[in-house]
Amino acid sequence: MSGHSKWSTIKRAKSLADVKRGKIFSKLAREISASAKRGGSNPDSNPALRSAIEKARFYNMPKENIERAAAAASSAQTLEEGVYEGYGPMGTAFMVKVLTDNRNRALSEIRRIFENYGGKLGEAGSAAYIFKDPENPAFTVPVTDPETAKKVLALAEALDDYDDTQEVYSNFDVPNELISQP
């Protein structure tokens, strides 16, 4: 049974899970820090901070990390919010909200992600009319081709995986049977 260790399997799975948790925690910490910087470090008088802390608790972020992120708001590092708009395969619109310490780096990284997945970053306002209400876009684009569905979903996932990304909105509609195909 050489090479078949239960601990090895657990170690690899735990390592992958820890990387995902780390990305989520860093995004949440940035959101908490930015909210505290804008409205103060008291969650009772700052609804944005209270909401960010509740979100962090939902993801089981340790209390020490939450407190450290709120305290980091007074540090010299300034975080800027930005919204980038673009179009993916089949003209699907994307709106990406970021929170970054370097706006130029974030812009070039978002542009690179769009280009790598067959999309194009648009100018400010090019897709904003679709996302007056980000949760309910003005219209949706039905994606019926399995290959295009994979490309659109890969673009959405790549944008979401970028560290500075806070939210990704899109107007594509992929049927469940296309998502489950290998």
C-alpha atoms as a PDB file:
ATOM      1  CA  MET A   1       0.000   0.000   0.000  1.00  0.00           C
ATOM      2  CA  SER A   2       2.915   2.315  -0.577  1.00  0.00           C
ATOM      3  CA  GLY A   3       1.855   5.885  -1.382  1.00  0.00           C
ATOM      4  CA  HIS A   4      -1.728   5.472  -0.206  1.00  0.00           C
ATOM      5  CA  SER A   5      -1.996   7.507   2.921  1.00  0.00           C
ATOM      6  CA  LYS A   6      -5.256   8.830   4.258  1.00  0.00           C
ATOM      7  CA  TRP A   7      -3.382  11.773   5.785  1.00  0.00           C
ATOM      8  CA  SER A   8      -2.003  12.755   2.357  1.00  0.00           C
ATOM      9  CA  THR A   9      -5.488  12.879   0.928  1.00  0.00           C
ATOM     10  CA  ILE A  10      -6.786  14.927   3.841  1.00  0.00           C
ATOM     11  CA  LYS A  11      -3.777  17.265   3.675  1.00  0.00           C
ATOM     12  CA  ARG A  12      -4.360  18.028  -0.016  1.00  0.00           C
ATOM     13  CA  ALA A  13      -8.085  18.627   0.479  1.00  0.00           C
ATOM     14  CA  LYS A  14      -7.452  20.829   3.518  1.00  0.00           C
ATOM     15  CA  SER A  15      -4.839  22.806   1.635  1.00  0.00           C
ATOM     16  CA  LEU A  16      -7.303  23.600  -1.174  1.00  0.00           C
ATOM     17  CA  ALA A  17     -10.036  24.517   1.303  1.00  0.00           C
ATOM     18  CA  ASP A  18      -7.646  26.785   3.221  1.00  0.00           C
ATOM     19  CA  VAL A  19      -6.684  28.662   0.057  1.00  0.00           C
ATOM     20  CA  LYS A  20     -10.364  29.320  -0.746  1.00  0.00           C
ATOM     21  CA  ARG A  21     -11.079  30.446   2.830  1.00  0.00           C
ATOM     22  CA  GLY A  22      -8.034  32.717   2.739  1.00  0.00           C
ATOM     23  CA  LYS A  23      -9.274  34.463  -0.403  1.00  0.00           C
ATOM     24  CA  ILE A  24     -12.721  34.960   1.088  1.00  0.00           C
ATOM     25  CA  PHE A  25     -11.266  36.246   4.364  1.00  0.00           C
ATOM     26  CA  SER A  26      -8.997  38.741   2.612  1.00  0.00           C
ATOM     27  CA  LYS A  27     -11.936  40.106   0.595  1.00  0.00           C
ATOM     28  CA  LEU A  28     -14.031  40.395   3.732  1.00  0.00           C
ATOM     29  CA  ALA A  29     -11.190  42.094   5.630  1.00  0.00           C
ATOM     30  CA  ARG A  30     -10.844  44.694   2.881  1.00  0.00           C
ATOM     31  CA  GLU A  31     -14.573  45.341   2.916  1.00  0.00           C
ATOM     32  CA  ILE A  32     -14.578  45.742   6.717  1.00  0.00           C
ATOM     33  CA  SER A  33     -11.565  48.048   6.595  1.00  0.00           C
ATOM     34  CA  ALA A  34     -13.058  50.266   3.885  1.00  0.00           C
ATOM     35  CA  SER A  35     -16.415  50.466   5.680  1.00  0.00           C
ATOM     36  CA  ALA A  36     -14.706  51.417   8.944  1.00  0.00           C
ATOM     37  CA  LYS A  37     -12.646  54.075   7.179  1.00  0.00           C
ATOM     38  CA  ARG A  38     -15.732  55.643   5.574  1.00  0.00           C
ATOM     39  CA  GLY A  39     -18.092  55.689   8.537  1.00  0.00           C
ATOM     40  CA  GLY A  40     -16.080  55.071  11.693  1.00  0.00           C
ATOM     41  CA  SER A  41     -15.148  51.950  13.599  1.00  0.00           C
ATOM     42  CA  ASN A  42     -18.358  51.701  15.659  1.00  0.00           C
ATOM     43  CA  PRO A  43     -20.725  49.149  14.044  1.00  0.00           C
ATOM     44  CA  ASP A  44     -23.711  50.619  15.931  1.00  0.00           C
ATOM     45  CA  SER A  45     -23.392  53.943  14.098  1.00  0.00           C
ATOM     46  CA  ASN A  46     -22.034  52.552  10.804  1.00  0.00           C
ATOM     47  CA  PRO A  47     -24.538  50.307   8.966  1.00  0.00           C
ATOM     48  CA  ALA A  48     -22.051  49.447   6.204  1.00  0.00           C
ATOM     49  CA  LEU A  49     -19.558  48.180   8.781  1.00  0.00           C
ATOM     50  CA  ARG A  50     -22.271  46.262  10.611  1.00  0.00           C
ATOM     51  CA  SER A  51     -23.312  44.604   7.342  1.00  0.00           C
ATOM     52  CA  ALA A  52     -19.693  43.722   6.503  1.00  0.00           C
ATOM     53  CA  ILE A  53     -19.170  42.220   9.964  1.00  0.00           C
ATOM     54  CA  GLU A  54     -22.357  40.154   9.656  1.00  0.00           C
ATOM     55  CA  LYS A  55     -21.166  38.883   6.292  1.00  0.00           C
ATOM     56  CA  ALA A  56     -17.801  37.961   7.819  1.00  0.00           C
ATOM     57  CA  ARG A  57     -19.518  36.106  10.650  1.00  0.00           C
ATOM     58  CA  PHE A  58     -21.622  34.230   8.090  1.00  0.00           C
ATOM     59  CA  TYR A  59     -18.368  32.937   6.556  1.00  0.00           C
ATOM     60  CA  ASN A  60     -17.027  32.015  10.037  1.00  0.00           C
ATOM     61  CA  MET A  61     -14.258  34.597   9.999  1.00  0.00           C
ATOM     62  CA  PRO A  62     -12.510  34.642  13.413  1.00  0.00           C
ATOM     63  CA  LYS A  63     -13.378  37.532  15.720  1.00  0.00           C
ATOM     64  CA  GLU A  64      -9.715  38.557  15.990  1.00  0.00           C
ATOM     65  CA  ASN A  65      -9.478  38.923  12.214  1.00  0.00           C
ATOM     66  CA  ILE A  66     -12.628  41.075  12.147  1.00  0.00           C
ATOM     67  CA  GLU A  67     -11.270  43.333  14.892  1.00  0.00           C
ATOM     68  CA  ARG A  68      -7.879  43.572  13.174  1.00  0.00           C
ATOM     69  CA  ALA A  69      -9.541  44.556   9.882  1.00  0.00           C
ATOM     70  CA  ALA A  70     -11.623  47.254  11.586  1.00  0.00           C
ATOM     71  CA  ALA A  71      -8.523  48.589  13.345  1.00  0.00           C
ATOM     72  CA  ALA A  72      -6.592  48.633  10.060  1.00  0.00           C
ATOM     73  CA  ALA A  73      -8.864  51.401   8.816  1.00  0.00           C
ATOM     74  CA  SER A  74      -6.702  53.953  10.578  1.00  0.00           C
ATOM     75  CA  SER A  75      -3.563  52.738   8.821  1.00  0.00           C
ATOM     76  CA  ALA A  76      -1.895  54.700   6.048  1.00  0.00           C
ATOM     77  CA  GLN A  77      -3.068  52.313   3.323  1.00  0.00           C
ATOM     78  CA  THR A  78      -6.000  53.781   1.427  1.00  0.00           C
ATOM     79  CA  LEU A  79      -8.451  51.516  -0.317  1.00  0.00           C
ATOM     80  CA  GLU A  80     -10.365  52.805  -3.300  1.00  0.00           C
ATOM     81  CA  GLU A  81     -13.598  51.487  -4.713  1.00  0.00           C
ATOM     82  CA  GLY A  82     -14.015  51.103  -8.426  1.00  0.00           C
ATOM     83  CA  VAL A  83     -16.582  49.792 -10.874  1.00  0.00           C
ATOM     84  CA  TYR A  84     -15.546  48.296 -14.193  1.00  0.00           C
ATOM     85  CA  GLU A  85     -17.885  47.323 -16.997  1.00  0.00           C
ATOM     86  CA  GLY A  86     -17.315  45.056 -19.930  1.00  0.00           C
ATOM     87  CA  TYR A  87     -18.734  42.517 -22.307  1.00  0.00           C
ATOM     88  CA  GLY A  88     -18.010  38.817 -22.506  1.00  0.00           C
ATOM     89  CA  PRO A  89     -18.764  36.170 -25.137  1.00  0.00           C
ATOM     90  CA  MET A  90     -22.121  36.596 -26.953  1.00  0.00           C
ATOM     91  CA  GLY A  91     -22.374  40.195 -25.725  1.00  0.00           C
ATOM     92  CA  THR A  92     -23.045  39.286 -22.111  1.00  0.00           C
ATOM     93  CA  ALA A  93     -22.590  42.344 -19.926  1.00  0.00           C
ATOM     94  CA  PHE A  94     -20.510  42.310 -16.747  1.00  0.00           C
ATOM     95  CA  MET A  95     -20.178  44.846 -13.964  1.00  0.00           C
ATOM     96  CA  VAL A  96     -17.301  44.283 -11.531  1.00  0.00           C
ATOM     97  CA  LYS A  97     -17.020  46.143  -8.215  1.00  0.00           C
ATOM     98  CA  VAL A  98     -13.497  46.220  -6.789  1.00  0.00           C
ATOM     99  CA  LEU A  99     -11.856  47.475  -3.636  1.00  0.00           C
ATOM    100  CA  THR A 100      -8.154  48.026  -4.218  1.00  0.00           C
ATOM    101  CA  ASP A 101      -5.095  49.845  -2.961  1.00  0.00           C
ATOM    102  CA  ASN A 102      -3.851  50.395  -6.520  1.00  0.00           C
ATOM    103  CA  ARG A 103      -6.465  51.446  -9.087  1.00  0.00           C
ATOM    104  CA  ASN A 104      -4.104  51.136 -12.081  1.00  0.00           C
ATOM    105  CA  ARG A 105      -3.120  47.576 -11.197  1.00  0.00           C
ATOM    106  CA  ALA A 106      -6.767  46.597 -10.721  1.00  0.00           C
ATOM    107  CA  LEU A 107      -7.745  48.109 -14.070  1.00  0.00           C
ATOM    108  CA  SER A 108      -4.994  46.302 -15.970  1.00  0.00           C
ATOM    109  CA  GLU A 109      -5.759  43.005 -14.222  1.00  0.00           C
ATOM    110  CA  ILE A 110      -9.509  43.234 -14.942  1.00  0.00           C
ATOM    111  CA  ARG A 111      -8.719  44.130 -18.580  1.00  0.00           C
ATOM    112  CA  ARG A 112      -6.372  41.127 -18.849  1.00  0.00           C
ATOM    113  CA  ILE A 113      -9.017  38.767 -17.434  1.00  0.00           C
ATOM    114  CA  PHE A 114     -11.609  40.019 -19.935  1.00  0.00           C
ATOM    115  CA  GLU A 115      -9.200  39.598 -22.850  1.00  0.00           C
ATOM    116  CA  ASN A 116      -8.080  36.113 -21.770  1.00  0.00           C
ATOM    117  CA  TYR A 117     -11.668  34.864 -21.719  1.00  0.00           C
ATOM    118  CA  GLY A 118     -12.881  36.379 -24.995  1.00  0.00           C
ATOM    119  CA  GLY A 119     -14.337  39.580 -23.589  1.00  0.00           C
ATOM    120  CA  LYS A 120     -13.584  43.264 -23.740  1.00  0.00           C
ATOM    121  CA  LEU A 121     -13.455  45.874 -20.997  1.00  0.00           C
ATOM    122  CA  GLY A 122     -15.784  48.750 -21.818  1.00  0.00           C
ATOM    123  CA  GLU A 123     -15.661  52.427 -21.021  1.00  0.00           C
ATOM    124  CA  ALA A 124     -17.380  53.856 -17.962  1.00  0.00           C
ATOM    125  CA  GLY A 125     -21.131  53.746 -18.515  1.00  0.00           C
ATOM    126  CA  SER A 126     -20.999  51.272 -21.396  1.00  0.00           C
ATOM    127  CA  ALA A 127     -22.970  48.622 -19.491  1.00  0.00           C
ATOM    128  CA  ALA A 128     -24.287  50.629 -16.554  1.00  0.00           C
ATOM    129  CA  TYR A 129     -27.730  51.055 -18.096  1.00  0.00           C
ATOM    130  CA  ILE A 130     -28.253  47.287 -17.846  1.00  0.00           C
ATOM    131  CA  PHE A 131     -27.455  47.255 -14.132  1.00  0.00           C
ATOM    132  CA  LYS A 132     -29.660  50.028 -12.696  1.00  0.00           C
ATOM    133  CA  ASP A 133     -30.588  47.310 -10.184  1.00  0.00           C
ATOM    134  CA  PRO A 134     -27.568  44.932 -10.167  1.00  0.00           C
ATOM    135  CA  GLU A 135     -29.571  42.018  -8.751  1.00  0.00           C
ATOM    136  CA  ASN A 136     -32.151  42.295 -11.570  1.00  0.00           C
ATOM    137  CA  PRO A 137     -30.557  43.378 -14.868  1.00  0.00           C
ATOM    138  CA  ALA A 138     -32.724  45.245 -17.386  1.00  0.00           C
ATOM    139  CA  PHE A 139     -32.544  42.279 -19.756  1.00  0.00           C
ATOM    140  CA  THR A 140     -30.794  38.925 -19.842  1.00  0.00           C
ATOM    141  CA  VAL A 141     -28.909  37.165 -22.611  1.00  0.00           C
ATOM    142  CA  PRO A 142     -29.900  33.489 -22.935  1.00  0.00           C
ATOM    143  CA  VAL A 143     -26.832  31.313 -23.498  1.00  0.00           C
ATOM    144  CA  THR A 144     -27.884  28.095 -25.240  1.00  0.00           C
ATOM    145  CA  ASP A 145     -24.614  26.822 -26.708  1.00  0.00           C
ATOM    146  CA  PRO A 146     -22.641  24.611 -24.253  1.00  0.00           C
ATOM    147  CA  GLU A 147     -19.239  25.931 -25.391  1.00  0.00           C
ATOM    148  CA  THR A 148     -20.295  29.560 -25.043  1.00  0.00           C
ATOM    149  CA  ALA A 149     -21.846  28.796 -21.652  1.00  0.00           C
ATOM    150  CA  LYS A 150     -18.506  27.386 -20.467  1.00  0.00           C
ATOM    151  CA  LYS A 151     -16.670  30.502 -21.701  1.00  0.00           C
ATOM    152  CA  VAL A 152     -19.105  32.887 -20.013  1.00  0.00           C
ATOM    153  CA  LEU A 153     -19.025  30.956 -16.740  1.00  0.00           C
ATOM    154  CA  ALA A 154     -15.208  30.764 -16.856  1.00  0.00           C
ATOM    155  CA  LEU A 155     -15.016  34.552 -17.318  1.00  0.00           C
ATOM    156  CA  ALA A 156     -17.391  35.136 -14.397  1.00  0.00           C
ATOM    157  CA  GLU A 157     -15.388  32.777 -12.184  1.00  0.00           C
ATOM    158  CA  ALA A 158     -12.046  34.358 -13.158  1.00  0.00           C
ATOM    159  CA  LEU A 159     -13.379  37.839 -12.369  1.00  0.00           C
ATOM    160  CA  ASP A 160     -14.684  36.627  -9.012  1.00  0.00           C
ATOM    161  CA  ASP A 161     -11.369  34.906  -8.168  1.00  0.00           C
ATOM    162  CA  TYR A 162      -9.388  38.147  -8.551  1.00  0.00           C
ATOM    163  CA  ASP A 163      -8.402  39.263  -5.026  1.00  0.00           C
ATOM    164  CA  ASP A 164      -9.619  42.861  -5.298  1.00  0.00           C
ATOM    165  CA  THR A 165     -13.060  41.900  -6.637  1.00  0.00           C
ATOM    166  CA  GLN A 166     -15.942  42.431  -4.242  1.00  0.00           C
ATOM    167  CA  GLU A 167     -18.960  41.711  -6.477  1.00  0.00           C
ATOM    168  CA  VAL A 168     -19.501  40.506 -10.042  1.00  0.00           C
ATOM    169  CA  TYR A 169     -22.830  41.115 -11.774  1.00  0.00           C
ATOM    170  CA  SER A 170     -23.839  39.781 -15.169  1.00  0.00           C
ATOM    171  CA  ASN A 171     -26.905  39.532 -17.348  1.00  0.00           C
ATOM    172  CA  PHE A 172     -26.414  36.046 -18.798  1.00  0.00           C
ATOM    173  CA  ASP A 173     -28.901  33.254 -18.252  1.00  0.00           C
ATOM    174  CA  VAL A 174     -27.498  29.737 -18.550  1.00  0.00           C
ATOM    175  CA  PRO A 175     -29.964  26.828 -18.302  1.00  0.00           C
ATOM    176  CA  ASN A 176     -29.119  24.296 -15.580  1.00  0.00           C
ATOM    177  CA  GLU A 177     -28.712  21.458 -18.071  1.00  0.00           C
ATOM    178  CA  LEU A 178     -25.817  23.332 -19.732  1.00  0.00           C
ATOM    179  CA  ILE A 179     -24.113  23.970 -16.377  1.00  0.00           C
ATOM    180  CA  SER A 180     -24.125  20.290 -15.405  1.00  0.00           C
ATOM    181  CA  GLN A 181     -22.650  19.084 -18.716  1.00  0.00           C
ATOM    182  CA  PRO A 182     -18.996  17.949 -18.521  1.00  0.00           C
END
